Amino acid sequence: MNESTTNKRPPAGERILEAASRLFYENGIRATGVNAVAERAGVTKVTLYSHFGSKDGLVTEHLRARDHAWRTTLSRFLEDRETPAQRLSGIFDAYEQWTVSDRFRGCGFVNAAVELTEPLHPGREIIEEHKEGIRRELRDIAETAGCADAAEVAEEWFLLLEGAVVRCTLRHDVLPLHRAHEAALRLVTPARETG
């Protein structure tokens, strides 16, 4: 390998995280060992441990990076959307893009939560904060729309989103998200009309 090719390779930590994220999502966290991650990243186990400390540390950073990627995607989908209905549609559109680009493998955070059964695992806190961030965004939309019980409406929207992703995963089809999107918009319309 010549020097110009070597210089173009991402740093080891990035390669490890990218390899781990792909393997954890495709094969599951428990089924993916550090040997497989190190091999995919083209590093030694020593290098992996020097960057992340442990497999749990790597899992935690994987979830943190996934959450950051989600927030970036969501910001892009909410850009230039001003009304509550437009913002709500932006969230559904972002969910759809993630569902399709993840090849209908389900929500990476829910998948991880199923595997990380230890209540004090540091990754669980990231999962909870990720889901709570979505709820906060939905609550803000419901409040802006003038919904009488914004927290309740936001929870209904959240359940529509999460349930639709499960159905999409099982069917390998985005139709459940489209139906959930329509149902969610019906909940915001009365508030919009009376506001």
N, C-alpha and C. Protein backbone atom coordinates (compact mmCIF):
# COMPACT_ATOMS: atom_id res chain seq x y z
N MET A 1 0.85 -1.18 0.00
CA MET A 1 0.00 0.00 0.00
C MET A 1 0.89 1.24 0.00
N ASN A 2 0.64 2.14 -0.93
CA ASN A 2 1.50 3.32 -0.98
C ASN A 2 1.05 4.36 0.04
N GLU A 3 1.90 5.36 0.24
CA GLU A 3 1.66 6.35 1.29
C GLU A 3 0.39 7.15 1.05
N SER A 4 0.08 7.51 -0.21
CA SER A 4 -1.11 8.32 -0.49
C SER A 4 -2.38 7.53 -0.15
N THR A 5 -2.37 6.22 -0.39
CA THR A 5 -3.53 5.39 -0.02
C THR A 5 -3.67 5.32 1.48
N THR A 6 -2.56 5.15 2.20
CA THR A 6 -2.59 5.07 3.66
C THR A 6 -3.11 6.36 4.26
N ASN A 7 -2.68 7.50 3.72
CA ASN A 7 -3.12 8.79 4.26
C ASN A 7 -4.61 9.03 4.08
N LYS A 8 -5.24 8.36 3.12
CA LYS A 8 -6.66 8.56 2.87
C LYS A 8 -7.54 7.70 3.76
N ARG A 9 -6.97 6.74 4.46
CA ARG A 9 -7.76 5.89 5.35
C ARG A 9 -8.20 6.69 6.57
N PRO A 10 -9.45 6.49 7.00
CA PRO A 10 -9.88 7.18 8.22
C PRO A 10 -9.08 6.69 9.42
N PRO A 11 -8.98 7.50 10.45
CA PRO A 11 -8.26 7.07 11.66
C PRO A 11 -8.86 5.78 12.22
N ALA A 12 -8.04 5.06 12.97
CA ALA A 12 -8.44 3.74 13.48
C ALA A 12 -9.74 3.80 14.28
N GLY A 13 -9.89 4.80 15.14
CA GLY A 13 -11.10 4.91 15.95
C GLY A 13 -12.36 5.01 15.10
N GLU A 14 -12.29 5.79 14.04
CA GLU A 14 -13.43 5.93 13.12
C GLU A 14 -13.73 4.61 12.43
N ARG A 15 -12.69 3.92 11.97
CA ARG A 15 -12.88 2.65 11.28
C ARG A 15 -13.50 1.61 12.22
N ILE A 16 -13.02 1.60 13.45
CA ILE A 16 -13.56 0.65 14.44
C ILE A 16 -15.03 0.93 14.69
N LEU A 17 -15.35 2.20 14.90
CA LEU A 17 -16.74 2.57 15.20
C LEU A 17 -17.65 2.27 14.00
N GLU A 18 -17.18 2.56 12.81
CA GLU A 18 -17.97 2.29 11.61
C GLU A 18 -18.20 0.79 11.45
N ALA A 19 -17.15 0.01 11.64
CA ALA A 19 -17.28 -1.45 11.51
C ALA A 19 -18.21 -2.01 12.58
N ALA A 20 -18.04 -1.55 13.82
CA ALA A 20 -18.88 -2.02 14.92
C ALA A 20 -20.33 -1.66 14.68
N SER A 21 -20.58 -0.42 14.26
CA SER A 21 -21.96 0.01 14.05
C SER A 21 -22.65 -0.84 13.00
N ARG A 22 -21.94 -1.11 11.92
CA ARG A 22 -22.52 -1.93 10.85
C ARG A 22 -22.78 -3.35 11.35
N LEU A 23 -21.80 -3.96 12.02
CA LEU A 23 -21.94 -5.33 12.50
C LEU A 23 -22.98 -5.44 13.61
N PHE A 24 -22.99 -4.49 14.55
CA PHE A 24 -23.97 -4.53 15.63
C PHE A 24 -25.39 -4.45 15.07
N TYR A 25 -25.58 -3.58 14.09
CA TYR A 25 -26.91 -3.41 13.53
C TYR A 25 -27.33 -4.59 12.67
N GLU A 26 -26.41 -5.10 11.86
CA GLU A 26 -26.75 -6.20 10.95
C GLU A 26 -26.87 -7.55 11.66
N ASN A 27 -25.98 -7.81 12.62
CA ASN A 27 -25.92 -9.14 13.24
C ASN A 27 -26.37 -9.18 14.69
N GLY A 28 -26.47 -8.02 15.32
CA GLY A 28 -26.80 -7.96 16.74
C GLY A 28 -25.56 -7.71 17.58
N ILE A 29 -25.76 -7.10 18.72
CA ILE A 29 -24.65 -6.74 19.60
C ILE A 29 -24.02 -7.98 20.21
N ARG A 30 -24.85 -8.85 20.76
CA ARG A 30 -24.32 -10.05 21.43
C ARG A 30 -23.63 -11.00 20.45
N ALA A 31 -24.15 -11.08 19.23
CA ALA A 31 -23.59 -11.99 18.23
C ALA A 31 -22.30 -11.47 17.62
N THR A 32 -21.97 -10.21 17.85
CA THR A 32 -20.78 -9.60 17.25
C THR A 32 -19.68 -9.49 18.30
N GLY A 33 -18.61 -10.22 18.10
CA GLY A 33 -17.48 -10.17 19.01
C GLY A 33 -16.47 -9.10 18.61
N VAL A 34 -15.60 -8.76 19.53
CA VAL A 34 -14.59 -7.74 19.23
C VAL A 34 -13.62 -8.22 18.15
N ASN A 35 -13.40 -9.52 18.06
CA ASN A 35 -12.52 -10.04 17.00
C ASN A 35 -13.07 -9.69 15.62
N ALA A 36 -14.38 -9.88 15.44
CA ALA A 36 -15.01 -9.57 14.15
C ALA A 36 -14.92 -8.08 13.85
N VAL A 37 -15.13 -7.25 14.87
CA VAL A 37 -15.06 -5.80 14.67
C VAL A 37 -13.64 -5.39 14.29
N ALA A 38 -12.66 -5.91 15.04
CA ALA A 38 -11.26 -5.57 14.76
C ALA A 38 -10.86 -6.00 13.35
N GLU A 39 -11.29 -7.20 12.97
CA GLU A 39 -10.95 -7.70 11.64
C GLU A 39 -11.58 -6.82 10.56
N ARG A 40 -12.86 -6.49 10.71
CA ARG A 40 -13.56 -5.65 9.72
C ARG A 40 -12.91 -4.27 9.63
N ALA A 41 -12.45 -3.75 10.78
CA ALA A 41 -11.84 -2.41 10.80
C ALA A 41 -10.38 -2.41 10.37
N GLY A 42 -9.79 -3.60 10.29
CA GLY A 42 -8.38 -3.70 9.90
C GLY A 42 -7.44 -3.26 11.00
N VAL A 43 -7.81 -3.56 12.26
CA VAL A 43 -6.97 -3.20 13.41
C VAL A 43 -6.81 -4.43 14.31
N THR A 44 -5.96 -4.30 15.30
CA THR A 44 -5.82 -5.36 16.29
C THR A 44 -6.81 -5.14 17.43
N LYS A 45 -7.05 -6.19 18.22
CA LYS A 45 -7.90 -6.04 19.40
C LYS A 45 -7.30 -5.03 20.37
N VAL A 46 -5.97 -5.00 20.45
CA VAL A 46 -5.31 -4.06 21.35
C VAL A 46 -5.67 -2.62 20.95
N THR A 47 -5.66 -2.36 19.65
CA THR A 47 -6.02 -1.02 19.16
C THR A 47 -7.48 -0.71 19.49
N LEU A 48 -8.35 -1.69 19.29
CA LEU A 48 -9.76 -1.49 19.61
C LEU A 48 -9.93 -1.13 21.08
N TYR A 49 -9.31 -1.91 21.96
CA TYR A 49 -9.44 -1.66 23.39
C TYR A 49 -8.79 -0.34 23.80
N SER A 50 -7.73 0.05 23.12
CA SER A 50 -7.08 1.32 23.48
C SER A 50 -7.97 2.51 23.12
N HIS A 51 -8.83 2.34 22.12
CA HIS A 51 -9.75 3.42 21.73
C HIS A 51 -11.04 3.42 22.54
N PHE A 52 -11.56 2.24 22.87
CA PHE A 52 -12.90 2.17 23.46
C PHE A 52 -12.94 1.50 24.83
N GLY A 53 -11.84 0.94 25.29
CA GLY A 53 -11.77 0.38 26.64
C GLY A 53 -12.35 -1.01 26.79
N SER A 54 -13.51 -1.24 26.19
CA SER A 54 -14.20 -2.53 26.32
C SER A 54 -15.26 -2.62 25.24
N LYS A 55 -15.87 -3.80 25.13
CA LYS A 55 -16.97 -3.93 24.18
C LYS A 55 -18.13 -3.03 24.60
N ASP A 56 -18.39 -2.95 25.91
CA ASP A 56 -19.46 -2.06 26.38
C ASP A 56 -19.18 -0.61 26.01
N GLY A 57 -17.93 -0.22 26.10
CA GLY A 57 -17.56 1.13 25.70
C GLY A 57 -17.80 1.36 24.22
N LEU A 58 -17.51 0.35 23.42
CA LEU A 58 -17.72 0.43 21.98
C LEU A 58 -19.22 0.49 21.66
N VAL A 59 -20.01 -0.33 22.35
CA VAL A 59 -21.46 -0.32 22.15
C VAL A 59 -22.03 1.06 22.49
N THR A 60 -21.56 1.62 23.58
CA THR A 60 -22.03 2.94 24.02
C THR A 60 -21.70 4.00 22.99
N GLU A 61 -20.48 3.97 22.47
CA GLU A 61 -20.09 4.96 21.45
C GLU A 61 -20.85 4.74 20.15
N HIS A 62 -21.13 3.49 19.82
CA HIS A 62 -21.96 3.19 18.64
C HIS A 62 -23.34 3.84 18.79
N LEU A 63 -23.96 3.69 19.95
CA LEU A 63 -25.29 4.28 20.18
C LEU A 63 -25.22 5.80 20.18
N ARG A 64 -24.18 6.34 20.76
CA ARG A 64 -24.01 7.80 20.78
C ARG A 64 -23.87 8.33 19.35
N ALA A 65 -23.08 7.65 18.53
CA ALA A 65 -22.89 8.07 17.14
C ALA A 65 -24.19 7.93 16.35
N ARG A 66 -24.93 6.87 16.61
CA ARG A 66 -26.21 6.67 15.92
C ARG A 66 -27.19 7.77 16.29
N ASP A 67 -27.23 8.14 17.57
CA ASP A 67 -28.10 9.22 18.01
C ASP A 67 -27.71 10.53 17.34
N HIS A 68 -26.42 10.79 17.25
CA HIS A 68 -25.95 12.02 16.59
C HIS A 68 -26.37 12.03 15.12
N ALA A 69 -26.23 10.88 14.45
CA ALA A 69 -26.62 10.78 13.04
C ALA A 69 -28.12 11.01 12.88
N TRP A 70 -28.91 10.46 13.83
CA TRP A 70 -30.36 10.67 13.78
C TRP A 70 -30.70 12.15 13.92
N ARG A 71 -30.08 12.80 14.90
CA ARG A 71 -30.38 14.23 15.14
C ARG A 71 -30.01 15.07 13.92
N THR A 72 -28.92 14.72 13.27
CA THR A 72 -28.51 15.43 12.05
C THR A 72 -29.55 15.23 10.95
N THR A 73 -30.00 13.99 10.78
CA THR A 73 -31.02 13.69 9.78
C THR A 73 -32.31 14.43 10.09
N LEU A 74 -32.73 14.37 11.34
CA LEU A 74 -33.98 15.03 11.72
C LEU A 74 -33.90 16.54 11.49
N SER A 75 -32.79 17.15 11.85
CA SER A 75 -32.62 18.60 11.62
C SER A 75 -32.78 18.93 10.14
N ARG A 76 -32.22 18.09 9.29
CA ARG A 76 -32.32 18.30 7.85
C ARG A 76 -33.78 18.21 7.39
N PHE A 77 -34.54 17.25 7.94
CA PHE A 77 -35.93 17.08 7.54
C PHE A 77 -36.85 18.16 8.12
N LEU A 78 -36.44 18.79 9.22
CA LEU A 78 -37.26 19.84 9.83
C LEU A 78 -36.93 21.23 9.30
N GLU A 79 -35.82 21.33 8.60
CA GLU A 79 -35.41 22.61 8.04
C GLU A 79 -36.48 23.13 7.09
N ASP A 80 -36.80 24.39 7.22
CA ASP A 80 -37.79 25.06 6.36
C ASP A 80 -39.22 24.55 6.57
N ARG A 81 -39.47 23.79 7.61
CA ARG A 81 -40.85 23.38 7.91
C ARG A 81 -41.30 24.20 9.11
N GLU A 82 -42.32 24.99 8.92
CA GLU A 82 -42.69 25.97 9.94
C GLU A 82 -43.94 25.61 10.71
N THR A 83 -44.99 25.14 10.04
CA THR A 83 -46.24 24.87 10.74
C THR A 83 -46.12 23.55 11.52
N PRO A 84 -46.96 23.37 12.54
CA PRO A 84 -46.93 22.10 13.28
C PRO A 84 -47.13 20.88 12.37
N ALA A 85 -48.06 20.96 11.42
CA ALA A 85 -48.30 19.82 10.52
C ALA A 85 -47.06 19.54 9.67
N GLN A 86 -46.40 20.60 9.19
CA GLN A 86 -45.19 20.41 8.39
C GLN A 86 -44.08 19.78 9.23
N ARG A 87 -43.92 20.23 10.45
CA ARG A 87 -42.88 19.68 11.33
C ARG A 87 -43.17 18.21 11.68
N LEU A 88 -44.44 17.93 11.95
CA LEU A 88 -44.82 16.54 12.23
C LEU A 88 -44.54 15.66 11.02
N SER A 89 -44.87 16.15 9.83
CA SER A 89 -44.57 15.41 8.61
C SER A 89 -43.07 15.21 8.44
N GLY A 90 -42.29 16.21 8.83
CA GLY A 90 -40.83 16.08 8.76
C GLY A 90 -40.31 14.93 9.59
N ILE A 91 -40.89 14.74 10.79
CA ILE A 91 -40.46 13.63 11.64
C ILE A 91 -40.83 12.30 11.00
N PHE A 92 -42.05 12.20 10.48
CA PHE A 92 -42.44 10.96 9.80
C PHE A 92 -41.56 10.69 8.58
N ASP A 93 -41.24 11.74 7.84
CA ASP A 93 -40.37 11.58 6.67
C ASP A 93 -38.97 11.10 7.07
N ALA A 94 -38.46 11.66 8.18
CA ALA A 94 -37.14 11.23 8.67
C ALA A 94 -37.17 9.76 9.10
N TYR A 95 -38.23 9.37 9.80
CA TYR A 95 -38.39 7.96 10.19
C TYR A 95 -38.40 7.06 8.96
N GLU A 96 -39.14 7.50 7.95
CA GLU A 96 -39.23 6.67 6.74
C GLU A 96 -37.86 6.53 6.08
N GLN A 97 -37.14 7.63 5.99
CA GLN A 97 -35.81 7.56 5.36
C GLN A 97 -34.91 6.58 6.12
N TRP A 98 -34.94 6.64 7.46
CA TRP A 98 -34.13 5.73 8.26
C TRP A 98 -34.58 4.29 8.10
N THR A 99 -35.89 4.08 8.06
CA THR A 99 -36.42 2.72 7.93
C THR A 99 -35.98 2.10 6.61
N VAL A 100 -36.08 2.86 5.54
CA VAL A 100 -35.71 2.36 4.21
C VAL A 100 -34.20 2.20 4.11
N SER A 101 -33.43 3.21 4.55
CA SER A 101 -31.98 3.12 4.42
C SER A 101 -31.39 2.03 5.32
N ASP A 102 -32.11 1.70 6.41
CA ASP A 102 -31.66 0.61 7.28
C ASP A 102 -32.16 -0.75 6.78
N ARG A 103 -32.70 -0.76 5.57
CA ARG A 103 -33.17 -1.99 4.92
C ARG A 103 -34.16 -2.76 5.79
N PHE A 104 -35.04 -2.00 6.43
CA PHE A 104 -36.15 -2.57 7.21
C PHE A 104 -35.67 -3.52 8.31
N ARG A 105 -34.55 -3.19 8.94
CA ARG A 105 -34.05 -4.03 10.03
C ARG A 105 -34.55 -3.56 11.39
N GLY A 106 -35.43 -2.57 11.38
CA GLY A 106 -36.00 -2.09 12.64
C GLY A 106 -35.20 -0.95 13.23
N CYS A 107 -35.70 -0.44 14.33
CA CYS A 107 -35.04 0.67 15.02
C CYS A 107 -33.80 0.15 15.73
N GLY A 108 -32.66 0.73 15.41
CA GLY A 108 -31.40 0.30 16.02
C GLY A 108 -31.38 0.47 17.53
N PHE A 109 -32.13 1.46 18.02
CA PHE A 109 -32.17 1.69 19.47
C PHE A 109 -33.04 0.66 20.17
N VAL A 110 -34.16 0.32 19.57
CA VAL A 110 -35.02 -0.72 20.14
C VAL A 110 -34.29 -2.06 20.08
N ASN A 111 -33.65 -2.34 18.95
CA ASN A 111 -32.89 -3.59 18.82
C ASN A 111 -31.84 -3.68 19.91
N ALA A 112 -31.13 -2.58 20.15
CA ALA A 112 -30.08 -2.58 21.18
C ALA A 112 -30.69 -2.73 22.57
N ALA A 113 -31.83 -2.08 22.83
CA ALA A 113 -32.47 -2.17 24.15
C ALA A 113 -32.86 -3.61 24.47
N VAL A 114 -33.28 -4.35 23.46
CA VAL A 114 -33.65 -5.76 23.67
C VAL A 114 -32.43 -6.56 24.11
N GLU A 115 -31.27 -6.21 23.57
CA GLU A 115 -30.06 -6.97 23.88
C GLU A 115 -29.37 -6.50 25.15
N LEU A 116 -29.47 -5.22 25.45
CA LEU A 116 -28.78 -4.67 26.64
C LEU A 116 -29.71 -4.76 27.84
N THR A 117 -29.80 -5.95 28.40
CA THR A 117 -30.76 -6.20 29.47
C THR A 117 -30.29 -5.69 30.83
N GLU A 118 -29.00 -5.44 30.97
CA GLU A 118 -28.48 -4.96 32.26
C GLU A 118 -28.93 -3.51 32.46
N PRO A 119 -29.72 -3.24 33.51
CA PRO A 119 -30.29 -1.89 33.68
C PRO A 119 -29.25 -0.77 33.76
N LEU A 120 -28.06 -1.07 34.25
CA LEU A 120 -27.05 -0.03 34.42
C LEU A 120 -26.08 0.06 33.25
N HIS A 121 -26.33 -0.68 32.18
CA HIS A 121 -25.45 -0.57 31.02
C HIS A 121 -25.50 0.88 30.52
N PRO A 122 -24.33 1.50 30.28
CA PRO A 122 -24.33 2.92 29.87
C PRO A 122 -25.06 3.19 28.56
N GLY A 123 -25.19 2.18 27.73
CA GLY A 123 -25.92 2.35 26.47
C GLY A 123 -27.41 2.56 26.67
N ARG A 124 -27.96 2.02 27.75
CA ARG A 124 -29.41 2.16 28.00
C ARG A 124 -29.78 3.63 28.22
N GLU A 125 -28.91 4.37 28.86
CA GLU A 125 -29.17 5.80 29.09
C GLU A 125 -29.26 6.55 27.76
N ILE A 126 -28.38 6.19 26.83
CA ILE A 126 -28.40 6.84 25.51
C ILE A 126 -29.68 6.48 24.77
N ILE A 127 -30.09 5.22 24.86
CA ILE A 127 -31.34 4.79 24.22
C ILE A 127 -32.52 5.57 24.78
N GLU A 128 -32.59 5.66 26.11
CA GLU A 128 -33.70 6.38 26.75
C GLU A 128 -33.69 7.85 26.34
N GLU A 129 -32.53 8.47 26.32
CA GLU A 129 -32.44 9.88 25.95
C GLU A 129 -32.81 10.09 24.48
N HIS A 130 -32.43 9.15 23.63
CA HIS A 130 -32.80 9.23 22.21
C HIS A 130 -34.32 9.25 22.06
N LYS A 131 -34.99 8.29 22.70
CA LYS A 131 -36.45 8.21 22.58
C LYS A 131 -37.11 9.42 23.25
N GLU A 132 -36.57 9.87 24.36
CA GLU A 132 -37.13 11.04 25.04
C GLU A 132 -36.96 12.29 24.18
N GLY A 133 -35.88 12.38 23.43
CA GLY A 133 -35.67 13.51 22.53
C GLY A 133 -36.74 13.58 21.45
N ILE A 134 -37.15 12.42 20.96
CA ILE A 134 -38.24 12.38 19.97
C ILE A 134 -39.54 12.83 20.62
N ARG A 135 -39.80 12.33 21.82
CA ARG A 135 -41.02 12.74 22.54
C ARG A 135 -41.04 14.26 22.77
N ARG A 136 -39.90 14.82 23.16
CA ARG A 136 -39.84 16.28 23.39
C ARG A 136 -40.16 17.04 22.11
N GLU A 137 -39.61 16.58 21.00
CA GLU A 137 -39.87 17.24 19.72
C GLU A 137 -41.36 17.18 19.39
N LEU A 138 -41.96 16.02 19.60
CA LEU A 138 -43.39 15.85 19.33
C LEU A 138 -44.23 16.71 20.28
N ARG A 139 -43.84 16.77 21.55
CA ARG A 139 -44.57 17.59 22.52
C ARG A 139 -44.51 19.07 22.14
N ASP A 140 -43.34 19.51 21.65
CA ASP A 140 -43.19 20.89 21.22
C ASP A 140 -44.12 21.18 20.04
N ILE A 141 -44.23 20.25 19.12
CA ILE A 141 -45.13 20.42 17.97
C ILE A 141 -46.58 20.50 18.45
N ALA A 142 -46.96 19.60 19.37
CA ALA A 142 -48.34 19.59 19.88
C ALA A 142 -48.66 20.89 20.63
N GLU A 143 -47.70 21.39 21.39
CA GLU A 143 -47.91 22.65 22.10
C GLU A 143 -48.06 23.81 21.12
N THR A 144 -47.20 23.84 20.11
CA THR A 144 -47.27 24.90 19.10
C THR A 144 -48.60 24.84 18.35
N ALA A 145 -49.12 23.62 18.13
CA ALA A 145 -50.39 23.45 17.44
C ALA A 145 -51.58 23.84 18.31
N GLY A 146 -51.35 24.02 19.60
CA GLY A 146 -52.42 24.38 20.51
C GLY A 146 -53.26 23.20 20.97
N CYS A 147 -52.69 22.00 20.91
CA CYS A 147 -53.42 20.81 21.37
C CYS A 147 -53.72 20.95 22.86
N ALA A 148 -54.95 20.60 23.26
CA ALA A 148 -55.37 20.78 24.66
C ALA A 148 -54.48 20.00 25.62
N ASP A 149 -54.17 18.76 25.29
CA ASP A 149 -53.29 17.95 26.12
C ASP A 149 -52.08 17.54 25.27
N ALA A 150 -51.14 18.46 25.17
CA ALA A 150 -49.99 18.27 24.27
C ALA A 150 -49.20 17.01 24.60
N ALA A 151 -49.02 16.73 25.88
CA ALA A 151 -48.24 15.54 26.27
C ALA A 151 -48.93 14.26 25.80
N GLU A 152 -50.27 14.23 25.92
CA GLU A 152 -51.02 13.04 25.49
C GLU A 152 -50.98 12.87 23.98
N VAL A 153 -51.16 13.96 23.25
CA VAL A 153 -51.11 13.90 21.79
C VAL A 153 -49.72 13.47 21.33
N ALA A 154 -48.68 14.03 21.96
CA ALA A 154 -47.31 13.67 21.61
C ALA A 154 -47.06 12.18 21.84
N GLU A 155 -47.60 11.65 22.93
CA GLU A 155 -47.43 10.22 23.20
C GLU A 155 -48.15 9.37 22.15
N GLU A 156 -49.32 9.82 21.71
CA GLU A 156 -50.03 9.10 20.65
C GLU A 156 -49.24 9.13 19.35
N TRP A 157 -48.67 10.28 19.02
CA TRP A 157 -47.84 10.37 17.82
C TRP A 157 -46.63 9.45 17.92
N PHE A 158 -46.02 9.45 19.12
CA PHE A 158 -44.85 8.61 19.35
C PHE A 158 -45.20 7.13 19.14
N LEU A 159 -46.34 6.72 19.69
CA LEU A 159 -46.76 5.32 19.53
C LEU A 159 -47.08 4.99 18.07
N LEU A 160 -47.67 5.94 17.36
CA LEU A 160 -47.91 5.74 15.93
C LEU A 160 -46.59 5.53 15.18
N LEU A 161 -45.61 6.38 15.48
CA LEU A 161 -44.30 6.27 14.83
C LEU A 161 -43.64 4.92 15.13
N GLU A 162 -43.53 4.62 16.41
CA GLU A 162 -42.81 3.41 16.81
C GLU A 162 -43.52 2.14 16.34
N GLY A 163 -44.85 2.12 16.47
CA GLY A 163 -45.61 0.95 16.01
C GLY A 163 -45.50 0.77 14.50
N ALA A 164 -45.53 1.88 13.77
CA ALA A 164 -45.44 1.80 12.32
C ALA A 164 -44.08 1.25 11.88
N VAL A 165 -43.03 1.63 12.58
CA VAL A 165 -41.69 1.12 12.23
C VAL A 165 -41.64 -0.40 12.43
N VAL A 166 -42.27 -0.88 13.49
CA VAL A 166 -42.31 -2.34 13.71
C VAL A 166 -43.04 -3.02 12.55
N ARG A 167 -44.19 -2.46 12.15
CA ARG A 167 -44.94 -3.05 11.03
C ARG A 167 -44.15 -2.98 9.73
N CYS A 168 -43.48 -1.85 9.50
CA CYS A 168 -42.65 -1.71 8.29
C CYS A 168 -41.56 -2.78 8.28
N THR A 169 -40.96 -3.01 9.43
CA THR A 169 -39.89 -3.99 9.55
C THR A 169 -40.41 -5.39 9.22
N LEU A 170 -41.59 -5.71 9.73
CA LEU A 170 -42.16 -7.03 9.49
C LEU A 170 -42.59 -7.21 8.03
N ARG A 171 -43.09 -6.13 7.42
CA ARG A 171 -43.62 -6.21 6.06
C ARG A 171 -42.61 -5.84 4.98
N HIS A 172 -41.51 -5.20 5.36
CA HIS A 172 -40.55 -4.67 4.39
C HIS A 172 -41.27 -3.73 3.42
N ASP A 173 -42.04 -2.83 4.01
CA ASP A 173 -42.88 -1.93 3.22
C ASP A 173 -43.13 -0.68 4.06
N VAL A 174 -43.12 0.50 3.43
CA VAL A 174 -43.32 1.76 4.18
C VAL A 174 -44.78 2.14 4.35
N LEU A 175 -45.71 1.37 3.80
CA LEU A 175 -47.12 1.70 3.90
C LEU A 175 -47.59 1.94 5.34
N PRO A 176 -47.18 1.12 6.33
CA PRO A 176 -47.61 1.40 7.70
C PRO A 176 -47.20 2.80 8.19
N LEU A 177 -46.03 3.26 7.79
CA LEU A 177 -45.62 4.62 8.18
C LEU A 177 -46.49 5.66 7.50
N HIS A 178 -46.88 5.43 6.26
CA HIS A 178 -47.76 6.37 5.56
C HIS A 178 -49.11 6.46 6.25
N ARG A 179 -49.63 5.30 6.65
CA ARG A 179 -50.93 5.28 7.35
C ARG A 179 -50.82 5.95 8.71
N ALA A 180 -49.75 5.68 9.42
CA ALA A 180 -49.55 6.32 10.73
C ALA A 180 -49.40 7.83 10.57
N HIS A 181 -48.73 8.24 9.52
CA HIS A 181 -48.54 9.67 9.22
C HIS A 181 -49.90 10.34 9.03
N GLU A 182 -50.77 9.73 8.24
CA GLU A 182 -52.11 10.28 8.01
C GLU A 182 -52.90 10.37 9.32
N ALA A 183 -52.82 9.32 10.13
CA ALA A 183 -53.52 9.33 11.42
C ALA A 183 -52.99 10.43 12.33
N ALA A 184 -51.68 10.61 12.34
CA ALA A 184 -51.08 11.66 13.17
C ALA A 184 -51.54 13.04 12.74
N LEU A 185 -51.60 13.26 11.45
CA LEU A 185 -52.05 14.58 10.94
C LEU A 185 -53.50 14.85 11.30
N ARG A 186 -54.32 13.81 11.40
CA ARG A 186 -55.71 14.01 11.82
C ARG A 186 -55.79 14.52 13.25
N LEU A 187 -54.82 14.16 14.06
CA LEU A 187 -54.81 14.62 15.45
C LEU A 187 -54.42 16.10 15.57
N VAL A 188 -53.66 16.59 14.60
CA VAL A 188 -53.22 17.99 14.69
C VAL A 188 -54.19 18.92 13.96
N THR A 189 -54.99 18.43 13.05
CA THR A 189 -55.86 19.29 12.25
C THR A 189 -56.88 20.09 13.09
N PRO A 190 -57.60 19.47 14.04
CA PRO A 190 -58.55 20.28 14.82
C PRO A 190 -57.89 21.43 15.56
N ALA A 191 -56.71 21.19 16.10
CA ALA A 191 -56.01 22.24 16.84
C ALA A 191 -55.61 23.35 15.87
N ARG A 192 -55.21 22.97 14.67
CA ARG A 192 -54.79 23.95 13.69
C ARG A 192 -55.98 24.81 13.26
N GLU A 193 -57.13 24.15 13.11
CA GLU A 193 -58.30 24.87 12.64
C GLU A 193 -58.85 25.81 13.69
N THR A 194 -58.76 25.42 14.97
CA THR A 194 -59.30 26.26 16.03
C THR A 194 -58.30 27.27 16.54
N GLY A 195 -56.99 27.11 16.18
CA GLY A 195 -55.95 27.97 16.71
C GLY A 195 -55.94 29.34 16.07
